[in-house]
């Protein structure tokens, strides 16, 4: 999958609050489908659909332990999304720093002026 398509899939998968909650749960360790479904008021097939979206995006993988198929977080895709976001974070931080400097200059100029 091309980098752009992978990134699109990651952000599309993370757009859903249920999938973000699943990712948050898997950040603390692997879990079975039943364990992942427990906090949600939805059926196991509905959770399985969410898991398939996360798997296709490369955010989670399925293991095999006897009869269990625990899911685990795959940090690589999250790291790719973080790198993409970091570029824009740096741009915005630079913009905010320039704005802060301008505001400081305007404050100083305002203090230097004497009321008439």
Protein backbone atom coordinates (compact mmCIF):
# COMPACT_ATOMS: atom_id res chain seq x y z
CA UNK A 1 0.00 0.00 0.00
CA UNK A 2 1.32 3.44 -0.93
CA UNK A 3 2.32 5.77 1.91
CA UNK A 4 -0.51 8.20 1.11
CA UNK A 5 -3.11 5.44 1.05
CA UNK A 6 -1.75 3.98 4.31
CA UNK A 7 -1.99 7.37 5.96
CA UNK A 8 -5.54 7.85 4.63
CA UNK A 9 -6.51 4.45 6.04
CA UNK A 10 -5.00 5.28 9.44
CA UNK A 11 -6.80 8.60 9.77
CA UNK A 12 -10.07 7.10 8.51
CA UNK A 13 -9.77 4.29 11.08
CA UNK A 14 -8.99 6.76 13.87
CA UNK A 15 -11.96 8.97 12.94
CA UNK A 16 -14.31 6.67 14.84
CA UNK A 17 -14.44 7.01 18.66
CA UNK A 18 -15.00 3.28 19.17
CA UNK A 19 -11.87 2.45 17.19
CA UNK A 20 -9.88 5.08 19.11
CA UNK A 21 -11.07 3.48 22.36
CA UNK A 22 -9.97 0.07 21.08
CA UNK A 23 -6.54 1.50 20.22
CA UNK A 24 -6.33 3.04 23.70
CA UNK A 25 -7.17 -0.32 25.28
CA UNK A 26 -4.62 -2.17 23.17
CA UNK A 27 -1.95 0.35 24.19
CA UNK A 28 -1.95 -1.41 27.57
CA UNK A 29 -1.55 -4.88 26.06
CA UNK A 30 -3.12 -7.43 23.77
CA UNK A 31 -6.76 -8.43 24.20
CA UNK A 32 -9.30 -10.86 22.78
CA UNK A 33 -12.37 -9.75 20.82
CA UNK A 34 -14.54 -10.45 23.88
CA UNK A 35 -12.28 -8.35 26.09
CA UNK A 36 -12.35 -5.53 23.55
CA UNK A 37 -16.15 -5.74 23.17
CA UNK A 38 -16.88 -5.74 26.92
CA UNK A 39 -16.98 -1.93 27.51
CA UNK A 40 -19.18 -1.24 24.47
CA UNK A 41 -22.92 -1.52 24.08
CA UNK A 42 -22.66 -3.31 20.75
CA UNK A 43 -22.58 -6.82 19.43
CA UNK A 44 -19.44 -8.85 18.91
CA UNK A 45 -19.95 -8.74 15.10
CA UNK A 46 -20.05 -4.93 15.27
CA UNK A 47 -16.78 -4.90 17.24
CA UNK A 48 -15.32 -7.35 14.72
CA UNK A 49 -16.10 -4.89 11.92
CA UNK A 50 -14.23 -2.17 13.80
CA UNK A 51 -11.31 -4.55 14.30
CA UNK A 52 -11.21 -5.31 10.57
CA UNK A 53 -10.98 -1.59 9.78
CA UNK A 54 -8.12 -1.25 12.27
CA UNK A 55 -6.38 -4.32 10.83
CA UNK A 56 -6.70 -3.09 7.23
CA UNK A 57 -5.18 0.23 8.33
CA UNK A 58 -2.28 -1.70 9.88
CA UNK A 59 -3.00 -0.31 13.34
CA UNK A 60 -3.56 -3.71 14.95
CA UNK A 61 -2.65 -7.29 14.20
CA UNK A 62 -4.12 -10.65 15.14
CA UNK A 63 -2.08 -13.18 17.04
CA UNK A 64 -2.68 -16.84 17.63
CA UNK A 65 -2.57 -18.51 21.03
CA UNK A 66 -4.25 -21.91 20.90
CA UNK A 67 -7.94 -21.06 20.36
CA UNK A 68 -7.52 -17.36 21.11
CA UNK A 69 -6.86 -14.71 18.47
CA UNK A 70 -5.71 -11.77 20.58
CA UNK A 71 -5.30 -8.37 18.93
CA UNK A 72 -2.27 -6.21 19.54
CA UNK A 73 -1.37 -2.67 18.69
CA UNK A 74 1.01 -2.09 15.78
CA UNK A 75 2.83 1.12 16.63
CA UNK A 76 4.48 1.53 13.22
CA UNK A 77 1.35 2.99 11.58
CA UNK A 78 0.78 5.35 14.50
CA UNK A 79 4.41 6.46 14.21
CA UNK A 80 3.90 7.21 10.50
CA UNK A 81 0.84 9.34 11.30
CA UNK A 82 2.75 11.07 14.09
CA UNK A 83 5.62 11.92 11.72
CA UNK A 84 3.15 13.39 9.25
CA UNK A 85 1.48 15.46 11.99
CA UNK A 86 4.85 16.56 13.38
CA UNK A 87 5.67 18.44 10.17
CA UNK A 88 2.55 20.55 10.59
CA UNK A 89 3.06 20.91 14.34
CA UNK A 90 6.45 22.51 13.64
CA UNK A 91 4.90 24.92 11.13
CA UNK A 92 2.21 25.98 13.60
CA UNK A 93 4.70 26.32 16.46
CA UNK A 94 6.76 28.66 14.28
CA UNK A 95 3.64 30.67 13.46
CA UNK A 96 2.72 30.93 17.14
CA UNK A 97 6.25 31.99 18.07
CA UNK A 98 6.14 34.77 15.45
CA UNK A 99 2.72 35.85 16.71
CA UNK A 100 4.01 35.91 20.31
CA UNK A 101 6.97 38.05 19.23
CA UNK A 102 4.66 40.46 17.39
CA UNK A 103 2.34 40.74 20.39
CA UNK A 104 5.31 41.40 22.69
CA UNK A 105 6.49 44.14 20.31
CA UNK A 106 3.04 45.72 20.22
CA UNK A 107 2.79 45.62 24.02
CA UNK A 108 6.19 47.27 24.35
CA UNK A 109 5.27 49.95 21.83
CA UNK A 110 2.01 50.58 23.66
CA UNK A 111 3.84 51.07 26.98
CA UNK A 112 6.38 53.42 25.40
CA UNK A 113 3.66 55.79 24.20
CA UNK A 114 2.67 58.48 26.63
CA UNK A 115 -0.99 59.41 26.96
CA UNK A 116 -1.78 62.85 25.57
